[in-house]
N, C-alpha and C. Protein backbone atom coordinates (compact mmCIF):
# COMPACT_ATOMS: atom_id res chain seq x y z
N MET A 1 59.93 209.08 -65.82
CA MET A 1 59.97 208.30 -64.56
C MET A 1 59.19 208.77 -63.38
N THR A 2 58.98 210.07 -63.43
CA THR A 2 58.12 210.63 -62.46
C THR A 2 56.56 210.34 -62.66
N SER A 3 56.34 210.30 -64.07
CA SER A 3 54.91 210.13 -64.20
C SER A 3 54.75 208.58 -63.80
N LYS A 4 55.44 207.55 -63.88
CA LYS A 4 55.16 206.30 -63.57
C LYS A 4 55.04 206.22 -62.07
N PHE A 5 55.79 206.76 -61.42
CA PHE A 5 55.84 206.81 -59.99
C PHE A 5 54.48 207.36 -59.28
N ALA A 6 54.12 208.67 -60.08
CA ALA A 6 52.88 209.07 -59.78
C ALA A 6 51.52 208.14 -60.09
N PHE A 7 51.77 207.41 -61.20
CA PHE A 7 50.77 206.42 -61.72
C PHE A 7 50.62 205.33 -60.64
N LEU A 8 51.77 204.79 -60.14
CA LEU A 8 51.79 203.67 -59.20
C LEU A 8 51.23 204.27 -57.83
N ILE A 9 51.37 205.54 -57.19
CA ILE A 9 50.95 206.04 -56.26
C ILE A 9 49.25 206.14 -56.27
N LEU A 10 48.93 206.58 -57.54
CA LEU A 10 47.36 206.67 -57.88
C LEU A 10 46.76 205.39 -57.78
N LEU A 11 47.50 204.25 -58.18
CA LEU A 11 46.98 202.90 -58.27
C LEU A 11 46.90 202.50 -56.91
N ALA A 12 47.80 202.62 -56.12
CA ALA A 12 47.83 202.26 -54.66
C ALA A 12 46.65 202.88 -53.95
N PHE A 13 46.62 204.15 -53.99
CA PHE A 13 45.50 205.13 -53.52
C PHE A 13 43.98 204.23 -53.90
N LEU A 14 43.90 204.10 -55.10
CA LEU A 14 42.68 203.47 -55.51
C LEU A 14 42.44 202.04 -54.80
N ALA A 15 43.36 201.25 -54.80
CA ALA A 15 43.47 199.87 -54.16
C ALA A 15 42.88 200.07 -52.80
N VAL A 16 43.41 200.95 -51.92
CA VAL A 16 43.02 201.05 -50.58
C VAL A 16 41.68 201.71 -50.34
N TYR A 17 41.36 202.87 -51.22
CA TYR A 17 40.26 203.59 -50.66
C TYR A 17 39.02 203.45 -51.55
N LEU A 18 39.16 202.93 -53.06
CA LEU A 18 38.02 202.59 -53.84
C LEU A 18 37.00 201.56 -53.20
N PRO A 19 37.75 200.41 -52.70
CA PRO A 19 36.72 199.46 -52.19
C PRO A 19 35.89 199.93 -51.15
N GLN A 20 36.27 200.71 -50.32
CA GLN A 20 35.48 201.24 -49.23
C GLN A 20 34.29 202.07 -49.67
N SER A 21 34.47 202.70 -50.68
CA SER A 21 33.44 203.76 -51.16
C SER A 21 32.53 202.91 -52.19
N VAL A 22 33.13 202.14 -52.91
CA VAL A 22 32.04 201.30 -53.82
C VAL A 22 30.84 200.51 -53.10
N PHE A 23 31.52 199.97 -52.05
CA PHE A 23 30.67 199.06 -51.20
C PHE A 23 29.92 199.90 -50.06
N SER A 24 29.12 200.81 -50.48
CA SER A 24 28.47 201.61 -49.52
C SER A 24 27.28 202.22 -50.07
N CYS A 25 26.38 202.70 -49.37
CA CYS A 25 25.19 203.26 -49.71
C CYS A 25 24.89 204.27 -48.57
N ASN A 26 25.16 205.47 -49.05
CA ASN A 26 25.19 206.72 -48.04
C ASN A 26 24.44 207.83 -48.49
N PHE A 27 23.56 208.53 -47.59
CA PHE A 27 22.71 209.62 -48.17
C PHE A 27 22.36 210.30 -46.86
N GLY A 28 21.82 211.37 -47.09
CA GLY A 28 21.43 212.35 -45.97
C GLY A 28 20.23 213.26 -46.27
N PHE A 29 19.63 213.80 -45.20
CA PHE A 29 18.57 214.57 -45.24
C PHE A 29 18.80 215.88 -44.50
N GLY A 30 18.67 217.07 -45.23
CA GLY A 30 18.89 218.25 -44.34
C GLY A 30 20.07 218.67 -44.60
N THR A 31 20.71 219.74 -44.02
CA THR A 31 21.79 220.36 -44.09
C THR A 31 22.46 220.79 -42.66
N ARG A 32 23.68 220.75 -42.65
CA ARG A 32 24.36 220.98 -41.42
C ARG A 32 24.15 222.70 -41.27
N VAL A 33 23.97 223.10 -39.97
CA VAL A 33 23.89 224.70 -39.88
C VAL A 33 24.87 225.02 -38.73
N SER A 34 25.17 226.39 -38.73
CA SER A 34 26.00 226.78 -37.80
C SER A 34 25.48 226.48 -36.16
N GLY A 35 26.23 225.85 -35.41
CA GLY A 35 25.84 225.79 -34.01
C GLY A 35 25.19 224.50 -33.65
N ASP A 36 25.09 223.70 -34.81
CA ASP A 36 24.48 222.37 -34.70
C ASP A 36 25.62 221.32 -34.17
N SER A 37 25.45 220.23 -33.57
CA SER A 37 26.25 219.23 -32.92
C SER A 37 25.64 217.72 -33.52
N LEU A 38 26.43 216.88 -33.14
CA LEU A 38 25.86 215.45 -33.24
C LEU A 38 25.05 215.23 -31.92
N LEU A 39 23.88 214.95 -32.23
CA LEU A 39 22.96 214.48 -31.00
C LEU A 39 22.82 212.96 -30.70
N TYR A 40 22.76 212.37 -31.62
CA TYR A 40 22.47 210.86 -31.68
C TYR A 40 23.20 210.03 -32.71
N SER A 41 23.90 208.98 -32.43
CA SER A 41 24.23 207.90 -33.44
C SER A 41 23.38 206.68 -33.26
N ILE A 42 22.69 206.23 -34.29
CA ILE A 42 21.55 205.03 -33.94
C ILE A 42 22.13 204.06 -35.00
N VAL A 43 22.25 202.74 -34.50
CA VAL A 43 22.58 201.63 -35.28
C VAL A 43 21.34 200.65 -35.46
N VAL A 44 20.81 200.60 -36.51
CA VAL A 44 19.78 199.47 -36.81
C VAL A 44 20.24 198.31 -37.60
N SER A 45 19.87 197.06 -37.29
CA SER A 45 20.38 195.82 -37.97
C SER A 45 19.34 194.96 -38.23
N LYS A 46 19.51 194.10 -39.23
CA LYS A 46 18.52 193.05 -39.58
C LYS A 46 19.49 191.92 -40.03
N GLY A 47 19.19 190.83 -39.61
CA GLY A 47 20.01 189.48 -39.93
C GLY A 47 20.92 189.21 -38.74
N PRO A 48 21.66 188.23 -39.13
CA PRO A 48 21.94 187.55 -40.18
C PRO A 48 20.83 186.47 -40.65
N VAL A 49 20.64 186.35 -41.85
CA VAL A 49 19.76 185.48 -42.44
C VAL A 49 20.43 184.39 -43.21
N ALA A 50 19.84 183.12 -43.19
CA ALA A 50 20.54 181.98 -43.88
C ALA A 50 20.60 182.16 -45.36
N VAL A 51 19.59 182.68 -46.01
CA VAL A 51 19.53 182.75 -47.31
C VAL A 51 19.67 184.33 -47.79
N PRO A 52 20.57 184.61 -48.73
CA PRO A 52 20.48 186.10 -49.20
C PRO A 52 19.19 186.59 -49.47
N ALA A 53 18.63 187.76 -49.13
CA ALA A 53 17.64 188.37 -49.41
C ALA A 53 17.73 189.88 -49.49
N ASN A 54 16.80 190.72 -50.14
CA ASN A 54 16.58 192.04 -50.17
C ASN A 54 15.99 192.56 -48.64
N LEU A 55 16.77 192.90 -47.77
CA LEU A 55 16.53 193.17 -46.47
C LEU A 55 16.11 194.59 -46.28
N GLU A 56 15.31 194.88 -45.26
CA GLU A 56 14.71 196.08 -45.09
C GLU A 56 14.74 196.52 -43.58
N VAL A 57 15.12 197.83 -43.30
CA VAL A 57 15.07 198.37 -42.04
C VAL A 57 14.25 199.59 -41.92
N GLN A 58 13.56 199.87 -40.73
CA GLN A 58 12.75 201.21 -40.64
C GLN A 58 13.54 202.06 -39.78
N LEU A 59 13.99 203.35 -40.38
CA LEU A 59 14.69 204.35 -39.50
C LEU A 59 13.51 205.38 -39.11
N ASP A 60 13.40 205.70 -37.73
CA ASP A 60 12.34 206.44 -37.38
C ASP A 60 12.79 207.34 -36.11
N TYR A 61 13.01 208.72 -36.26
CA TYR A 61 13.44 209.54 -35.02
C TYR A 61 12.75 210.58 -35.03
N LYS A 62 12.33 211.10 -33.93
CA LYS A 62 11.56 212.32 -33.51
C LYS A 62 12.69 213.17 -32.57
N PRO A 63 12.55 214.47 -32.78
CA PRO A 63 13.33 215.18 -31.79
C PRO A 63 12.75 215.24 -30.37
N ASN A 64 13.37 215.28 -29.33
CA ASN A 64 13.04 215.21 -28.03
C ASN A 64 12.50 216.66 -27.63
N PRO A 65 11.00 216.71 -27.38
CA PRO A 65 10.61 217.85 -26.93
C PRO A 65 11.04 218.51 -25.68
N LEU A 66 11.55 217.52 -24.86
CA LEU A 66 11.97 218.15 -23.46
C LEU A 66 13.33 219.03 -23.63
N TYR A 67 14.07 218.66 -24.59
CA TYR A 67 15.26 219.50 -24.81
C TYR A 67 15.03 220.37 -26.10
N ASN A 68 13.68 220.50 -26.41
CA ASN A 68 13.56 221.55 -27.63
C ASN A 68 14.43 221.26 -28.72
N GLU A 69 14.61 220.02 -29.19
CA GLU A 69 15.58 219.73 -30.31
C GLU A 69 14.95 220.05 -31.69
N GLN A 70 15.90 220.55 -32.50
CA GLN A 70 15.48 220.65 -33.98
C GLN A 70 16.56 219.89 -34.98
N ILE A 71 16.07 219.13 -35.64
CA ILE A 71 17.12 218.38 -36.51
C ILE A 71 17.55 219.18 -37.51
N SER A 72 19.02 219.31 -37.96
CA SER A 72 19.42 219.74 -39.27
C SER A 72 19.80 218.87 -40.23
N LEU A 73 20.28 217.60 -39.73
CA LEU A 73 20.80 216.73 -40.63
C LEU A 73 20.64 215.51 -40.21
N ALA A 74 20.13 214.34 -41.01
CA ALA A 74 20.03 212.96 -40.64
C ALA A 74 21.04 212.49 -41.61
N SER A 75 22.06 211.78 -41.21
CA SER A 75 23.24 211.28 -42.27
C SER A 75 23.03 209.74 -42.09
N ILE A 76 22.90 208.99 -43.19
CA ILE A 76 22.53 207.64 -43.01
C ILE A 76 23.64 206.77 -44.05
N SER A 77 24.21 205.83 -43.33
CA SER A 77 25.25 205.10 -43.92
C SER A 77 25.11 203.62 -43.67
N THR A 78 25.69 202.77 -44.60
CA THR A 78 25.82 201.42 -44.46
C THR A 78 26.86 200.86 -45.46
N ASP A 79 27.65 199.77 -44.83
CA ASP A 79 28.53 199.13 -45.76
C ASP A 79 28.21 197.76 -46.16
N SER A 80 26.92 197.53 -45.85
CA SER A 80 26.42 196.13 -46.10
C SER A 80 26.01 195.96 -47.51
N THR A 81 25.72 197.02 -48.32
CA THR A 81 25.34 196.95 -49.67
C THR A 81 25.79 198.20 -50.51
N ASN A 82 25.86 198.28 -51.66
CA ASN A 82 26.24 199.38 -52.59
C ASN A 82 25.06 199.93 -53.22
N SER A 83 23.77 199.34 -53.06
CA SER A 83 22.80 199.89 -53.68
C SER A 83 21.57 199.62 -52.75
N CYS A 84 20.62 200.68 -52.58
CA CYS A 84 19.69 200.72 -51.56
C CYS A 84 18.65 201.83 -52.05
N THR A 85 17.32 201.68 -51.55
CA THR A 85 16.21 202.46 -51.85
C THR A 85 15.64 203.16 -50.74
N PHE A 86 15.18 204.30 -50.68
CA PHE A 86 14.65 204.93 -49.19
C PHE A 86 13.58 205.92 -49.86
N ASN A 87 12.71 206.42 -48.87
CA ASN A 87 11.91 207.56 -49.07
C ASN A 87 12.40 208.69 -48.42
N VAL A 88 12.03 209.84 -49.14
CA VAL A 88 12.68 211.11 -48.49
C VAL A 88 11.51 211.50 -47.62
N PRO A 89 11.88 212.10 -46.22
CA PRO A 89 11.00 212.41 -45.20
C PRO A 89 10.50 213.83 -45.71
N GLN A 90 9.27 214.32 -45.19
CA GLN A 90 8.49 215.44 -45.63
C GLN A 90 9.22 216.56 -44.79
N ASP A 91 9.49 216.60 -43.49
CA ASP A 91 9.91 217.72 -42.75
C ASP A 91 11.01 217.08 -41.88
N VAL A 92 12.21 217.32 -42.24
CA VAL A 92 13.40 216.45 -41.71
C VAL A 92 13.70 217.35 -40.05
N LYS A 93 13.17 218.49 -39.84
CA LYS A 93 13.52 219.27 -38.81
C LYS A 93 12.55 218.76 -37.68
N LYS A 94 11.40 217.93 -37.86
CA LYS A 94 10.54 217.61 -37.08
C LYS A 94 10.57 216.04 -36.96
N HIS A 95 10.72 215.47 -37.91
CA HIS A 95 10.70 213.87 -37.97
C HIS A 95 11.44 213.24 -39.04
N VAL A 96 12.15 212.22 -38.78
CA VAL A 96 12.85 211.46 -39.86
C VAL A 96 12.41 210.07 -39.65
N TYR A 97 11.62 209.57 -40.91
CA TYR A 97 11.20 208.26 -40.95
C TYR A 97 11.43 207.86 -42.38
N THR A 98 12.12 206.75 -42.46
CA THR A 98 12.22 206.19 -44.03
C THR A 98 12.78 204.65 -43.66
N PRO A 99 11.86 204.03 -44.51
CA PRO A 99 12.44 202.60 -44.71
C PRO A 99 13.71 202.57 -45.73
N VAL A 100 14.59 201.72 -45.22
CA VAL A 100 15.79 201.51 -46.10
C VAL A 100 15.89 200.01 -46.58
N ARG A 101 15.94 199.75 -48.07
CA ARG A 101 15.83 198.24 -48.51
C ARG A 101 17.03 198.23 -49.23
N SER A 102 17.66 197.02 -49.28
CA SER A 102 18.87 196.60 -50.18
C SER A 102 18.33 196.35 -51.34
N ASN A 103 19.08 196.74 -52.50
CA ASN A 103 18.47 196.37 -53.79
C ASN A 103 19.15 195.10 -54.26
N THR A 104 20.26 194.53 -53.56
CA THR A 104 20.75 193.24 -53.87
C THR A 104 20.55 192.41 -52.73
N PRO A 105 20.37 191.06 -52.93
CA PRO A 105 20.40 190.16 -51.80
C PRO A 105 21.62 189.97 -50.88
N ILE A 106 21.41 190.15 -49.66
CA ILE A 106 22.47 190.30 -48.60
C ILE A 106 21.94 189.24 -47.45
N THR A 107 22.88 188.97 -46.77
CA THR A 107 22.65 188.24 -45.40
C THR A 107 22.43 188.93 -44.19
N GLU A 108 23.02 190.25 -44.04
CA GLU A 108 23.01 191.08 -42.98
C GLU A 108 22.68 192.55 -43.43
N PHE A 109 22.08 193.42 -42.70
CA PHE A 109 21.76 194.84 -43.04
C PHE A 109 22.21 195.48 -41.92
N VAL A 110 23.06 196.26 -41.78
CA VAL A 110 23.35 197.28 -40.77
C VAL A 110 23.59 198.51 -41.18
N VAL A 111 22.66 199.54 -40.64
CA VAL A 111 22.40 200.86 -40.95
C VAL A 111 22.59 201.75 -39.94
N LYS A 112 23.58 202.65 -40.15
CA LYS A 112 23.89 203.77 -39.05
C LYS A 112 23.22 205.03 -39.32
N MET A 113 22.69 205.88 -38.46
CA MET A 113 22.01 207.12 -38.71
C MET A 113 22.56 207.93 -37.75
N ASP A 114 23.20 209.17 -38.00
CA ASP A 114 23.74 210.17 -37.25
C ASP A 114 22.79 211.32 -37.44
N ILE A 115 22.41 211.89 -36.20
CA ILE A 115 21.31 212.87 -36.05
C ILE A 115 22.06 213.99 -35.52
N TYR A 116 22.10 215.12 -36.49
CA TYR A 116 22.64 216.52 -36.10
C TYR A 116 21.66 217.48 -35.91
N GLY A 117 21.98 218.26 -34.94
CA GLY A 117 20.80 219.43 -34.60
C GLY A 117 21.14 220.24 -33.53
N ILE A 118 20.26 221.06 -33.05
CA ILE A 118 20.28 221.98 -32.17
C ILE A 118 19.56 221.83 -31.03
N ARG A 119 19.93 221.80 -29.69
CA ARG A 119 19.03 221.91 -28.54
C ARG A 119 19.03 223.35 -28.12
N TYR A 120 17.84 223.85 -28.01
CA TYR A 120 17.63 225.14 -27.58
C TYR A 120 17.37 225.26 -26.10
N GLY A 121 17.44 224.11 -25.53
CA GLY A 121 17.22 224.25 -24.04
C GLY A 121 16.11 223.73 -23.43
N ASN A 122 15.90 223.85 -22.11
CA ASN A 122 14.59 223.59 -21.33
C ASN A 122 13.51 224.58 -21.41
């Protein structure tokens, strides 16, 4: 009886959380480090368009030299598609630039980029 109950709980959990994870395209560049914090959250969108298409957005961020910023992690996520392509930036600490393209036709593409890093001061 307890195994049936555990199985039902597992099914309920999957029904609630699996759709959220399946319909996403999430990735990151870099690594969180001790002392870093969320510097910026940037949202970029394209659409809506009348006919579904493989949409693309450009993500481009350079640290602010006035604050002597250094990027530790750029975390990128979208719930618009479950399959996307992107380029890996050369030096994440100094510049994050990547086009993000949906691999499946969609009508709107919304991408969020969270920038984590350290501000060393003025």
